[in-house]
Amino acid sequence: MEKWNRNEAMECREFEKDIADFITKKMDYPILKRFYEHVEHCADCREELNIQFLVTEGMQRLEKGSTFDLQSELEQRLEEARKSIRYHSAFLYLGIAMEIVAVGLLIGIVIWILL
C-alpha cells in the first residue's frame, strides 16, 4: 500500500480495483483525478495498469483482427485523462470564483441597503 503526499491519496488496492473502469472509460471526475495522480507517482501500479490494459485491449483487438500499438494507446488514454482533469479543475475554480463574487455582491447590496 502506498500513500504519497496527501491524505486523500489513493491506495494501491483501490487503484487496482479501478483499473477496469479506467480502461472502459467509466470513471467520474473525482476518482479519475485520484487514479491519475496515483499512477503518476506509483511505479508498481503503473506497471499493473500497463499489464491489464495490454491484456484487455490486446484480446479485443486480436478477436477483431485489427492492428494496434497498445503502449501508445495507453499513453494517449492517460494524456486524455490529464486533459480532462485540467478541464474539470478549471471549471471548478471558475465556479468557486463566481461564488465568491456573488457573495461579495450580496454583502455589498445588504450593506448599501442598511446604510
PDB file of N, CA and C in Angstrom:
ATOM      1  N   MET A   1       0.838  -1.175   0.000  1.00  0.00           N
ATOM      2  CA  MET A   1       0.000   0.000   0.000  1.00  0.00           C
ATOM      3  C   MET A   1       0.880   1.234   0.000  1.00  0.00           C
ATOM      4  N   GLU A   2       0.568   2.155  -0.866  1.00  0.00           N
ATOM      5  CA  GLU A   2       1.365   3.374  -0.929  1.00  0.00           C
ATOM      6  C   GLU A   2       0.482   4.587  -0.743  1.00  0.00           C
ATOM      7  N   LYS A   3       0.949   5.486   0.061  1.00  0.00           N
ATOM      8  CA  LYS A   3       0.343   6.808   0.137  1.00  0.00           C
ATOM      9  C   LYS A   3       1.485   7.763  -0.091  1.00  0.00           C
ATOM     10  N   TRP A   4       1.328   8.666  -1.022  1.00  0.00           N
ATOM     11  CA  TRP A   4       2.415   9.601  -1.256  1.00  0.00           C
ATOM     12  C   TRP A   4       2.249  10.848  -0.452  1.00  0.00           C
ATOM     13  N   ASN A   5       1.810  11.974  -0.890  1.00  0.00           N
ATOM     14  CA  ASN A   5       1.889  13.140  -0.036  1.00  0.00           C
ATOM     15  C   ASN A   5       0.563  13.711   0.436  1.00  0.00           C
ATOM     16  N   ARG A   6      -0.571  13.164   0.104  1.00  0.00           N
ATOM     17  CA  ARG A   6      -1.847  13.733   0.521  1.00  0.00           C
ATOM     18  C   ARG A   6      -2.660  12.718   1.290  1.00  0.00           C
ATOM     19  N   ASN A   7      -3.490  13.237   2.197  1.00  0.00           N
ATOM     20  CA  ASN A   7      -4.342  12.343   2.986  1.00  0.00           C
ATOM     21  C   ASN A   7      -5.338  11.599   2.116  1.00  0.00           C
ATOM     22  N   GLU A   8      -5.845  12.277   1.060  1.00  0.00           N
ATOM     23  CA  GLU A   8      -6.849  11.641   0.218  1.00  0.00           C
ATOM     24  C   GLU A   8      -6.229  10.827  -0.917  1.00  0.00           C
ATOM     25  N   ALA A   9      -4.930  10.606  -0.867  1.00  0.00           N
ATOM     26  CA  ALA A   9      -4.264   9.846  -1.924  1.00  0.00           C
ATOM     27  C   ALA A   9      -4.844   8.438  -2.017  1.00  0.00           C
ATOM     28  N   MET A  10      -4.940   7.959  -3.233  1.00  0.00           N
ATOM     29  CA  MET A  10      -5.484   6.630  -3.485  1.00  0.00           C
ATOM     30  C   MET A  10      -4.445   5.581  -3.080  1.00  0.00           C
ATOM     31  N   GLU A  11      -4.907   4.521  -2.482  1.00  0.00           N
ATOM     32  CA  GLU A  11      -4.035   3.420  -2.131  1.00  0.00           C
ATOM     33  C   GLU A  11      -3.969   2.436  -3.296  1.00  0.00           C
ATOM     34  N   CYS A  12      -2.938   1.640  -3.321  1.00  0.00           N
ATOM     35  CA  CYS A  12      -2.720   0.706  -4.428  1.00  0.00           C
ATOM     36  C   CYS A  12      -3.892  -0.262  -4.602  1.00  0.00           C
ATOM     37  N   ARG A  13      -4.464  -0.735  -3.503  1.00  0.00           N
ATOM     38  CA  ARG A  13      -5.609  -1.662  -3.619  1.00  0.00           C
ATOM     39  C   ARG A  13      -6.801  -0.997  -4.287  1.00  0.00           C
ATOM     40  N   GLU A  14      -7.066   0.249  -3.914  1.00  0.00           N
ATOM     41  CA  GLU A  14      -8.154   0.991  -4.549  1.00  0.00           C
ATOM     42  C   GLU A  14      -7.861   1.184  -6.028  1.00  0.00           C
ATOM     43  N   PHE A  15      -6.614   1.519  -6.322  1.00  0.00           N
ATOM     44  CA  PHE A  15      -6.197   1.753  -7.694  1.00  0.00           C
ATOM     45  C   PHE A  15      -6.462   0.525  -8.548  1.00  0.00           C
ATOM     46  N   GLU A  16      -6.031  -0.633  -8.067  1.00  0.00           N
ATOM     47  CA  GLU A  16      -6.188  -1.861  -8.834  1.00  0.00           C
ATOM     48  C   GLU A  16      -7.655  -2.177  -9.107  1.00  0.00           C
ATOM     49  N   LYS A  17      -8.532  -1.866  -8.139  1.00  0.00           N
ATOM     50  CA  LYS A  17      -9.970  -2.109  -8.346  1.00  0.00           C
ATOM     51  C   LYS A  17     -10.539  -1.193  -9.435  1.00  0.00           C
ATOM     52  N   ASP A  18      -9.929  -0.026  -9.615  1.00  0.00           N
ATOM     53  CA  ASP A  18     -10.447   0.963 -10.559  1.00  0.00           C
ATOM     54  C   ASP A  18      -9.855   0.856 -11.968  1.00  0.00           C
ATOM     55  N   ILE A  19      -8.896  -0.015 -12.173  1.00  0.00           N
ATOM     56  CA  ILE A  19      -8.252  -0.131 -13.483  1.00  0.00           C
ATOM     57  C   ILE A  19      -9.268  -0.457 -14.575  1.00  0.00           C
ATOM     58  N   ALA A  20     -10.158  -1.392 -14.318  1.00  0.00           N
ATOM     59  CA  ALA A  20     -11.153  -1.782 -15.337  1.00  0.00           C
ATOM     60  C   ALA A  20     -12.018  -0.593 -15.744  1.00  0.00           C
ATOM     61  N   ASP A  21     -12.416   0.226 -14.772  1.00  0.00           N
ATOM     62  CA  ASP A  21     -13.222   1.404 -15.098  1.00  0.00           C
ATOM     63  C   ASP A  21     -12.428   2.417 -15.912  1.00  0.00           C
ATOM     64  N   PHE A  22     -11.133   2.521 -15.635  1.00  0.00           N
ATOM     65  CA  PHE A  22     -10.292   3.416 -16.434  1.00  0.00           C
ATOM     66  C   PHE A  22     -10.205   2.918 -17.875  1.00  0.00           C
ATOM     67  N   ILE A  23      -9.986   1.641 -18.032  1.00  0.00           N
ATOM     68  CA  ILE A  23      -9.839   1.059 -19.365  1.00  0.00           C
ATOM     69  C   ILE A  23     -11.124   1.231 -20.177  1.00  0.00           C
ATOM     70  N   THR A  24     -12.268   1.070 -19.519  1.00  0.00           N
ATOM     71  CA  THR A  24     -13.547   1.195 -20.225  1.00  0.00           C
ATOM     72  C   THR A  24     -14.090   2.622 -20.225  1.00  0.00           C
ATOM     73  N   LYS A  25     -13.319   3.551 -19.691  1.00  0.00           N
ATOM     74  CA  LYS A  25     -13.675   4.978 -19.638  1.00  0.00           C
ATOM     75  C   LYS A  25     -14.977   5.212 -18.875  1.00  0.00           C
ATOM     76  N   LYS A  26     -15.115   4.546 -17.733  1.00  0.00           N
ATOM     77  CA  LYS A  26     -16.324   4.673 -16.922  1.00  0.00           C
ATOM     78  C   LYS A  26     -16.022   5.275 -15.552  1.00  0.00           C
ATOM     79  N   MET A  27     -15.126   6.255 -15.513  1.00  0.00           N
ATOM     80  CA  MET A  27     -14.760   6.894 -14.249  1.00  0.00           C
ATOM     81  C   MET A  27     -15.326   8.290 -14.179  1.00  0.00           C
ATOM     82  N   ASP A  28     -15.812   8.644 -12.994  1.00  0.00           N
ATOM     83  CA  ASP A  28     -16.233  10.028 -12.812  1.00  0.00           C
ATOM     84  C   ASP A  28     -15.002  10.868 -12.424  1.00  0.00           C
ATOM     85  N   TYR A  29     -15.172  12.176 -12.453  1.00  0.00           N
ATOM     86  CA  TYR A  29     -14.046  13.086 -12.279  1.00  0.00           C
ATOM     87  C   TYR A  29     -13.239  12.882 -10.990  1.00  0.00           C
ATOM     88  N   PRO A  30     -13.863  12.834  -9.805  1.00  0.00           N
ATOM     89  CA  PRO A  30     -13.045  12.709  -8.590  1.00  0.00           C
ATOM     90  C   PRO A  30     -12.187  11.445  -8.560  1.00  0.00           C
ATOM     91  N   ILE A  31     -12.757  10.336  -8.997  1.00  0.00           N
ATOM     92  CA  ILE A  31     -11.993   9.085  -8.993  1.00  0.00           C
ATOM     93  C   ILE A  31     -10.913   9.132 -10.063  1.00  0.00           C
ATOM     94  N   LEU A  32     -11.227   9.674 -11.235  1.00  0.00           N
ATOM     95  CA  LEU A  32     -10.233   9.791 -12.302  1.00  0.00           C
ATOM     96  C   LEU A  32      -9.053  10.630 -11.841  1.00  0.00           C
ATOM     97  N   LYS A  33      -9.332  11.708 -11.139  1.00  0.00           N
ATOM     98  CA  LYS A  33      -8.255  12.579 -10.660  1.00  0.00           C
ATOM     99  C   LYS A  33      -7.343  11.824  -9.694  1.00  0.00           C
ATOM    100  N   ARG A  34      -7.936  11.148  -8.722  1.00  0.00           N
ATOM    101  CA  ARG A  34      -7.128  10.391  -7.761  1.00  0.00           C
ATOM    102  C   ARG A  34      -6.375   9.244  -8.455  1.00  0.00           C
ATOM    103  N   PHE A  35      -7.034   8.587  -9.392  1.00  0.00           N
ATOM    104  CA  PHE A  35      -6.423   7.490 -10.150  1.00  0.00           C
ATOM    105  C   PHE A  35      -5.195   7.997 -10.912  1.00  0.00           C
ATOM    106  N   TYR A  36      -5.372   9.102 -11.631  1.00  0.00           N
ATOM    107  CA  TYR A  36      -4.283   9.662 -12.438  1.00  0.00           C
ATOM    108  C   TYR A  36      -3.117  10.107 -11.557  1.00  0.00           C
ATOM    109  N   GLU A  37      -3.422  10.789 -10.454  1.00  0.00           N
ATOM    110  CA  GLU A  37      -2.361  11.229  -9.548  1.00  0.00           C
ATOM    111  C   GLU A  37      -1.589  10.034  -9.000  1.00  0.00           C
ATOM    112  N   HIS A  38      -2.308   8.962  -8.687  1.00  0.00           N
ATOM    113  CA  HIS A  38      -1.642   7.774  -8.152  1.00  0.00           C
ATOM    114  C   HIS A  38      -0.742   7.124  -9.201  1.00  0.00           C
ATOM    115  N   VAL A  39      -1.245   6.965 -10.410  1.00  0.00           N
ATOM    116  CA  VAL A  39      -0.450   6.288 -11.448  1.00  0.00           C
ATOM    117  C   VAL A  39       0.801   7.095 -11.796  1.00  0.00           C
ATOM    118  N   GLU A  40       0.731   8.407 -11.612  1.00  0.00           N
ATOM    119  CA  GLU A  40       1.887   9.250 -11.890  1.00  0.00           C
ATOM    120  C   GLU A  40       2.989   9.076 -10.845  1.00  0.00           C
ATOM    121  N   HIS A  41       2.638   8.608  -9.648  1.00  0.00           N
ATOM    122  CA  HIS A  41       3.602   8.514  -8.559  1.00  0.00           C
ATOM    123  C   HIS A  41       3.931   7.095  -8.111  1.00  0.00           C
ATOM    124  N   CYS A  42       3.239   6.110  -8.623  1.00  0.00           N
ATOM    125  CA  CYS A  42       3.447   4.734  -8.159  1.00  0.00           C
ATOM    126  C   CYS A  42       3.853   3.847  -9.337  1.00  0.00           C
ATOM    127  N   ALA A  43       5.109   3.484  -9.385  1.00  0.00           N
ATOM    128  CA  ALA A  43       5.630   2.676 -10.496  1.00  0.00           C
ATOM    129  C   ALA A  43       4.986   1.290 -10.541  1.00  0.00           C
ATOM    130  N   ASP A  44       4.714   0.693  -9.381  1.00  0.00           N
ATOM    131  CA  ASP A  44       4.100  -0.640  -9.349  1.00  0.00           C
ATOM    132  C   ASP A  44       2.698  -0.615  -9.960  1.00  0.00           C
ATOM    133  N   CYS A  45       1.925   0.396  -9.609  1.00  0.00           N
ATOM    134  CA  CYS A  45       0.569   0.492 -10.154  1.00  0.00           C
ATOM    135  C   CYS A  45       0.597   0.867 -11.634  1.00  0.00           C
ATOM    136  N   ARG A  46       1.574   1.643 -12.032  1.00  0.00           N
ATOM    137  CA  ARG A  46       1.722   1.978 -13.457  1.00  0.00           C
ATOM    138  C   ARG A  46       1.969   0.689 -14.247  1.00  0.00           C
ATOM    139  N   GLU A  47       2.801  -0.168 -13.708  1.00  0.00           N
ATOM    140  CA  GLU A  47       3.086  -1.448 -14.354  1.00  0.00           C
ATOM    141  C   GLU A  47       1.840  -2.327 -14.408  1.00  0.00           C
ATOM    142  N   GLU A  48       1.082  -2.357 -13.314  1.00  0.00           N
ATOM    143  CA  GLU A  48      -0.154  -3.140 -13.283  1.00  0.00           C
ATOM    144  C   GLU A  48      -1.158  -2.614 -14.307  1.00  0.00           C
ATOM    145  N   LEU A  49      -1.262  -1.291 -14.421  1.00  0.00           N
ATOM    146  CA  LEU A  49      -2.140  -0.693 -15.429  1.00  0.00           C
ATOM    147  C   LEU A  49      -1.682  -1.097 -16.831  1.00  0.00           C
ATOM    148  N   ASN A  50      -0.386  -1.037 -17.089  1.00  0.00           N
ATOM    149  CA  ASN A  50       0.145  -1.456 -18.392  1.00  0.00           C
ATOM    150  C   ASN A  50      -0.252  -2.889 -18.717  1.00  0.00           C
ATOM    151  N   ILE A  51      -0.059  -3.763 -17.758  1.00  0.00           N
ATOM    152  CA  ILE A  51      -0.349  -5.182 -17.985  1.00  0.00           C
ATOM    153  C   ILE A  51      -1.840  -5.390 -18.260  1.00  0.00           C
ATOM    154  N   GLN A  52      -2.693  -4.830 -17.399  1.00  0.00           N
ATOM    155  CA  GLN A  52      -4.128  -5.045 -17.581  1.00  0.00           C
ATOM    156  C   GLN A  52      -4.640  -4.393 -18.862  1.00  0.00           C
ATOM    157  N   PHE A  53      -4.095  -3.236 -19.218  1.00  0.00           N
ATOM    158  CA  PHE A  53      -4.504  -2.586 -20.459  1.00  0.00           C
ATOM    159  C   PHE A  53      -4.083  -3.431 -21.660  1.00  0.00           C
ATOM    160  N   LEU A  54      -2.850  -3.923 -21.647  1.00  0.00           N
ATOM    161  CA  LEU A  54      -2.363  -4.744 -22.760  1.00  0.00           C
ATOM    162  C   LEU A  54      -3.185  -6.021 -22.908  1.00  0.00           C
ATOM    163  N   VAL A  55      -3.514  -6.649 -21.796  1.00  0.00           N
ATOM    164  CA  VAL A  55      -4.291  -7.893 -21.855  1.00  0.00           C
ATOM    165  C   VAL A  55      -5.717  -7.608 -22.332  1.00  0.00           C
ATOM    166  N   THR A  56      -6.367  -6.637 -21.702  1.00  0.00           N
ATOM    167  CA  THR A  56      -7.773  -6.351 -22.028  1.00  0.00           C
ATOM    168  C   THR A  56      -7.929  -5.871 -23.462  1.00  0.00           C
ATOM    169  N   GLU A  57      -7.207  -4.834 -23.810  1.00  0.00           N
ATOM    170  CA  GLU A  57      -7.328  -4.263 -25.155  1.00  0.00           C
ATOM    171  C   GLU A  57      -6.734  -5.198 -26.206  1.00  0.00           C
ATOM    172  N   GLY A  58      -5.640  -5.864 -25.858  1.00  0.00           N
ATOM    173  CA  GLY A  58      -4.998  -6.778 -26.807  1.00  0.00           C
ATOM    174  C   GLY A  58      -5.907  -7.927 -27.201  1.00  0.00           C
ATOM    175  N   MET A  59      -6.605  -8.489 -26.233  1.00  0.00           N
ATOM    176  CA  MET A  59      -7.519  -9.597 -26.526  1.00  0.00           C
ATOM    177  C   MET A  59      -8.650  -9.138 -27.444  1.00  0.00           C
ATOM    178  N   GLN A  60      -9.197  -7.956 -27.169  1.00  0.00           N
ATOM    179  CA  GLN A  60     -10.275  -7.437 -28.011  1.00  0.00           C
ATOM    180  C   GLN A  60      -9.784  -7.204 -29.437  1.00  0.00           C
ATOM    181  N   ARG A  61      -8.596  -6.666 -29.568  1.00  0.00           N
ATOM    182  CA  ARG A  61      -8.063  -6.373 -30.908  1.00  0.00           C
ATOM    183  C   ARG A  61      -7.730  -7.642 -31.673  1.00  0.00           C
ATOM    184  N   LEU A  62      -7.227  -8.646 -30.953  1.00  0.00           N
ATOM    185  CA  LEU A  62      -6.916  -9.909 -31.614  1.00  0.00           C
ATOM    186  C   LEU A  62      -8.185 -10.561 -32.142  1.00  0.00           C
ATOM    187  N   GLU A  63      -9.275 -10.474 -31.360  1.00  0.00           N
ATOM    188  CA  GLU A  63     -10.550 -11.046 -31.797  1.00  0.00           C
ATOM    189  C   GLU A  63     -11.071 -10.337 -33.040  1.00  0.00           C
ATOM    190  N   LYS A  64     -10.845  -9.031 -33.111  1.00  0.00           N
ATOM    191  CA  LYS A  64     -11.309  -8.253 -34.260  1.00  0.00           C
ATOM    192  C   LYS A  64     -10.349  -8.363 -35.442  1.00  0.00           C
ATOM    193  N   GLY A  65      -9.122  -8.795 -35.175  1.00  0.00           N
ATOM    194  CA  GLY A  65      -8.136  -8.916 -36.237  1.00  0.00           C
ATOM    195  C   GLY A  65      -7.530  -7.596 -36.658  1.00  0.00           C
ATOM    196  N   SER A  66      -7.636  -6.575 -35.808  1.00  0.00           N
ATOM    197  CA  SER A  66      -7.103  -5.261 -36.169  1.00  0.00           C
ATOM    198  C   SER A  66      -5.670  -5.086 -35.659  1.00  0.00           C
ATOM    199  N   THR A  67      -4.965  -4.145 -36.249  1.00  0.00           N
ATOM    200  CA  THR A  67      -3.605  -3.841 -35.812  1.00  0.00           C
ATOM    201  C   THR A  67      -3.668  -2.841 -34.676  1.00  0.00           C
ATOM    202  N   PHE A  68      -2.609  -2.809 -33.887  1.00  0.00           N
ATOM    203  CA  PHE A  68      -2.639  -1.928 -32.725  1.00  0.00           C
ATOM    204  C   PHE A  68      -1.252  -1.662 -32.175  1.00  0.00           C
ATOM    205  N   ASP A  69      -1.110  -0.522 -31.512  1.00  0.00           N
ATOM    206  CA  ASP A  69       0.072  -0.136 -30.746  1.00  0.00           C
ATOM    207  C   ASP A  69      -0.445   0.224 -29.356  1.00  0.00           C
ATOM    208  N   LEU A  70      -0.591  -0.777 -28.516  1.00  0.00           N
ATOM    209  CA  LEU A  70      -1.266  -0.593 -27.240  1.00  0.00           C
ATOM    210  C   LEU A  70      -0.525   0.318 -26.284  1.00  0.00           C
ATOM    211  N   GLN A  71       0.795   0.303 -26.323  1.00  0.00           N
ATOM    212  CA  GLN A  71       1.548   1.183 -25.428  1.00  0.00           C
ATOM    213  C   GLN A  71       1.260   2.650 -25.758  1.00  0.00           C
ATOM    214  N   SER A  72       1.229   2.976 -27.033  1.00  0.00           N
ATOM    215  CA  SER A  72       0.899   4.344 -27.444  1.00  0.00           C
ATOM    216  C   SER A  72      -0.545   4.686 -27.093  1.00  0.00           C
ATOM    217  N   GLU A  73      -1.435   3.726 -27.243  1.00  0.00           N
ATOM    218  CA  GLU A  73      -2.839   3.969 -26.908  1.00  0.00           C
ATOM    219  C   GLU A  73      -3.025   4.221 -25.412  1.00  0.00           C
ATOM    220  N   LEU A  74      -2.287   3.492 -24.578  1.00  0.00           N
ATOM    221  CA  LEU A  74      -2.375   3.723 -23.145  1.00  0.00           C
ATOM    222  C   LEU A  74      -1.846   5.113 -22.805  1.00  0.00           C
ATOM    223  N   GLU A  75      -0.735   5.496 -23.399  1.00  0.00           N
ATOM    224  CA  GLU A  75      -0.187   6.835 -23.159  1.00  0.00           C
ATOM    225  C   GLU A  75      -1.179   7.900 -23.618  1.00  0.00           C
ATOM    226  N   GLN A  76      -1.841   7.656 -24.728  1.00  0.00           N
ATOM    227  CA  GLN A  76      -2.845   8.597 -25.231  1.00  0.00           C
ATOM    228  C   GLN A  76      -4.036   8.658 -24.260  1.00  0.00           C
ATOM    229  N   ARG A  77      -4.446   7.527 -23.738  1.00  0.00           N
ATOM    230  CA  ARG A  77      -5.560   7.484 -22.787  1.00  0.00           C
ATOM    231  C   ARG A  77      -5.200   8.249 -21.515  1.00  0.00           C
ATOM    232  N   LEU A  78      -3.956   8.106 -21.051  1.00  0.00           N
ATOM    233  CA  LEU A  78      -3.512   8.838 -19.866  1.00  0.00           C
ATOM    234  C   LEU A  78      -3.445  10.342 -20.147  1.00  0.00           C
ATOM    235  N   GLU A  79      -3.032  10.706 -21.342  1.00  0.00           N
ATOM    236  CA  GLU A  79      -2.995  12.119 -21.729  1.00  0.00           C
ATOM    237  C   GLU A  79      -4.420  12.695 -21.780  1.00  0.00           C
ATOM    238  N   GLU A  80      -5.355  11.930 -22.297  1.00  0.00           N
ATOM    239  CA  GLU A  80      -6.762  12.359 -22.314  1.00  0.00           C
ATOM    240  C   GLU A  80      -7.268  12.558 -20.887  1.00  0.00           C
ATOM    241  N   ALA A  81      -6.876  11.675 -19.985  1.00  0.00           N
ATOM    242  CA  ALA A  81      -7.285  11.802 -18.581  1.00  0.00           C
ATOM    243  C   ALA A  81      -6.703  13.084 -17.992  1.00  0.00           C
ATOM    244  N   ARG A  82      -5.441  13.362 -18.276  1.00  0.00           N
ATOM    245  CA  ARG A  82      -4.800  14.577 -17.769  1.00  0.00           C
ATOM    246  C   ARG A  82      -5.525  15.819 -18.271  1.00  0.00           C
ATOM    247  N   LYS A  83      -5.858  15.848 -19.547  1.00  0.00           N
ATOM    248  CA  LYS A  83      -6.569  16.992 -20.119  1.00  0.00           C
ATOM    249  C   LYS A  83      -7.955  17.132 -19.515  1.00  0.00           C
ATOM    250  N   SER A  84      -8.633  16.030 -19.315  1.00  0.00           N
ATOM    251  CA  SER A  84      -9.967  16.059 -18.714  1.00  0.00           C
ATOM    252  C   SER A  84      -9.904  16.608 -17.290  1.00  0.00           C
ATOM    253  N   ILE A  85      -8.903  16.208 -16.543  1.00  0.00           N
ATOM    254  CA  ILE A  85      -8.730  16.684 -15.175  1.00  0.00           C
ATOM    255  C   ILE A  85      -8.465  18.186 -15.178  1.00  0.00           C
ATOM    256  N   ARG A  86      -7.594  18.650 -16.067  1.00  0.00           N
ATOM    257  CA  ARG A  86      -7.318  20.091 -16.152  1.00  0.00           C
ATOM    258  C   ARG A  86      -8.573  20.865 -16.525  1.00  0.00           C
ATOM    259  N   TYR A  87      -9.356  20.351 -17.452  1.00  0.00           N
ATOM    260  CA  TYR A  87     -10.588  20.995 -17.903  1.00  0.00           C
ATOM    261  C   TYR A  87     -11.583  21.110 -16.752  1.00  0.00           C
ATOM    262  N   HIS A  88     -11.803  20.000 -16.044  1.00  0.00           N
ATOM    263  CA  HIS A  88     -12.745  20.000 -14.924  1.00  0.00           C
ATOM    264  C   HIS A  88     -12.255  20.890 -13.789  1.00  0.00           C
ATOM    265  N   SER A  89     -10.955  20.858 -13.524  1.00  0.00           N
ATOM    266  CA  SER A  89     -10.400  21.697 -12.460  1.00  0.00           C
ATOM    267  C   SER A  89     -10.603  23.171 -12.778  1.00  0.00           C
ATOM    268  N   ALA A  90     -10.411  23.551 -14.027  1.00  0.00           N
ATOM    269  CA  ALA A  90     -10.604  24.951 -14.423  1.00  0.00           C
ATOM    270  C   ALA A  90     -12.046  25.374 -14.165  1.00  0.00           C
ATOM    271  N   PHE A  91     -13.004  24.532 -14.499  1.00  0.00           N
ATOM    272  CA  PHE A  91     -14.405  24.860 -14.256  1.00  0.00           C
ATOM    273  C   PHE A  91     -14.725  24.907 -12.765  1.00  0.00           C
ATOM    274  N   LEU A  92     -14.115  24.041 -11.986  1.00  0.00           N
ATOM    275  CA  LEU A  92     -14.335  24.085 -10.540  1.00  0.00           C
ATOM    276  C   LEU A  92     -13.822  25.396  -9.961  1.00  0.00           C
ATOM    277  N   TYR A  93     -12.621  25.807 -10.374  1.00  0.00           N
ATOM    278  CA  TYR A  93     -12.063  27.068  -9.882  1.00  0.00           C
ATOM    279  C   TYR A  93     -12.886  28.255 -10.354  1.00  0.00           C
ATOM    280  N   LEU A  94     -13.373  28.205 -11.572  1.00  0.00           N
ATOM    281  CA  LEU A  94     -14.228  29.269 -12.083  1.00  0.00           C
ATOM    282  C   LEU A  94     -15.519  29.346 -11.257  1.00  0.00           C
ATOM    283  N   GLY A  95     -16.096  28.218 -10.953  1.00  0.00           N
ATOM    284  CA  GLY A  95     -17.304  28.187 -10.131  1.00  0.00           C
ATOM    285  C   GLY A  95     -17.066  28.767  -8.750  1.00  0.00           C
ATOM    286  N   ILE A  96     -15.954  28.431  -8.138  1.00  0.00           N
ATOM    287  CA  ILE A  96     -15.624  28.968  -6.819  1.00  0.00           C
ATOM    288  C   ILE A  96     -15.451  30.480  -6.897  1.00  0.00           C
ATOM    289  N   ALA A  97     -14.749  30.947  -7.923  1.00  0.00           N
ATOM    290  CA  ALA A  97     -14.547  32.388  -8.096  1.00  0.00           C
ATOM    291  C   ALA A  97     -15.885  33.102  -8.271  1.00  0.00           C
ATOM    292  N   MET A  98     -16.790  32.516  -9.043  1.00  0.00           N
ATOM    293  CA  MET A  98     -18.101  33.128  -9.251  1.00  0.00           C
ATOM    294  C   MET A  98     -18.906  33.163  -7.954  1.00  0.00           C
ATOM    295  N   GLU A  99     -18.801  32.122  -7.144  1.00  0.00           N
ATOM    296  CA  GLU A  99     -19.495  32.115  -5.859  1.00  0.00           C
ATOM    297  C   GLU A  99     -18.960  33.208  -4.944  1.00  0.00           C
ATOM    298  N   ILE A 100     -17.653  33.395  -4.930  1.00  0.00           N
ATOM    299  CA  ILE A 100     -17.051  34.437  -4.096  1.00  0.00           C
ATOM    300  C   ILE A 100     -17.520  35.816  -4.548  1.00  0.00           C
ATOM    301  N   VAL A 101     -17.535  36.040  -5.858  1.00  0.00           N
ATOM    302  CA  VAL A 101     -18.014  37.320  -6.388  1.00  0.00           C
ATOM    303  C   VAL A 101     -19.477  37.527  -6.023  1.00  0.00           C
ATOM    304  N   ALA A 102     -20.305  36.499  -6.156  1.00  0.00           N
ATOM    305  CA  ALA A 102     -21.727  36.616  -5.833  1.00  0.00           C
ATOM    306  C   ALA A 102     -21.933  36.941  -4.359  1.00  0.00           C
ATOM    307  N   VAL A 103     -21.204  36.284  -3.480  1.00  0.00           N
ATOM    308  CA  VAL A 103     -21.315  36.568  -2.049  1.00  0.00           C
ATOM    309  C   VAL A 103     -20.875  37.997  -1.768  1.00  0.00           C
ATOM    310  N   GLY A 104     -19.795  38.422  -2.410  1.00  0.00           N
ATOM    311  CA  GLY A 104     -19.329  39.802  -2.242  1.00  0.00           C
ATOM    312  C   GLY A 104     -20.368  40.809  -2.686  1.00  0.00           C
ATOM    313  N   LEU A 105     -21.000  40.536  -3.821  1.00  0.00           N
ATOM    314  CA  LEU A 105     -22.059  41.425  -4.305  1.00  0.00           C
ATOM    315  C   LEU A 105     -23.241  41.459  -3.345  1.00  0.00           C
ATOM    316  N   LEU A 106     -23.650  40.309  -2.851  1.00  0.00           N
ATOM    317  CA  LEU A 106     -24.756  40.254  -1.899  1.00  0.00           C
ATOM    318  C   LEU A 106     -24.428  41.032  -0.624  1.00  0.00           C
ATOM    319  N   ILE A 107     -23.248  40.866  -0.127  1.00  0.00           N
ATOM    320  CA  ILE A 107     -22.839  41.603   1.070  1.00  0.00           C
ATOM    321  C   ILE A 107     -22.843  43.100   0.784  1.00  0.00           C
ATOM    322  N   GLY A 108     -22.328  43.469  -0.385  1.00  0.00           N
ATOM    323  CA  GLY A 108     -22.323  44.883  -0.773  1.00  0.00           C
ATOM    324  C   GLY A 108     -23.730  45.458  -0.865  1.00  0.00           C
ATOM    325  N   ILE A 109     -24.634  44.696  -1.438  1.00  0.00           N
ATOM    326  CA  ILE A 109     -26.023  45.154  -1.566  1.00  0.00           C
ATOM    327  C   ILE A 109     -26.666  45.296  -0.190  1.00  0.00           C
ATOM    328  N   VAL A 110     -26.466  44.327   0.673  1.00  0.00           N
ATOM    329  CA  VAL A 110     -27.030  44.379   2.023  1.00  0.00           C
ATOM    330  C   VAL A 110     -26.482  45.593   2.778  1.00  0.00           C
ATOM    331  N   ILE A 111     -25.193  45.824   2.693  1.00  0.00           N
ATOM    332  CA  ILE A 111     -24.595  46.986   3.360  1.00  0.00           C
ATOM    333  C   ILE A 111     -25.155  48.273   2.773  1.00  0.00           C
ATOM    334  N   TRP A 112     -25.288  48.338   1.465  1.00  0.00           N
ATOM    335  CA  TRP A 112     -25.812  49.530   0.807  1.00  0.00           C
ATOM    336  C   TRP A 112     -27.259  49.809   1.238  1.00  0.00           C
ATOM    337  N   ILE A 113     -28.074  48.756   1.360  1.00  0.00           N
ATOM    338  CA  ILE A 113     -29.467  48.903   1.777  1.00  0.00           C
ATOM    339  C   ILE A 113     -29.539  49.360   3.240  1.00  0.00           C
ATOM    340  N   LEU A 114     -28.680  48.824   4.076  1.00  0.00           N
ATOM    341  CA  LEU A 114     -28.720  49.152   5.509  1.00  0.00           C
ATOM    342  C   LEU A 114     -28.200  50.556   5.796  1.00  0.00           C
ATOM    343  N   LEU A 115     -27.408  51.101   4.925  1.00  0.00           N
ATOM    344  CA  LEU A 115     -26.880  52.444   5.174  1.00  0.00           C
ATOM    345  C   LEU A 115     -27.833  53.429   4.674  1.00  0.00           C
TER     346      LEU A 115
END
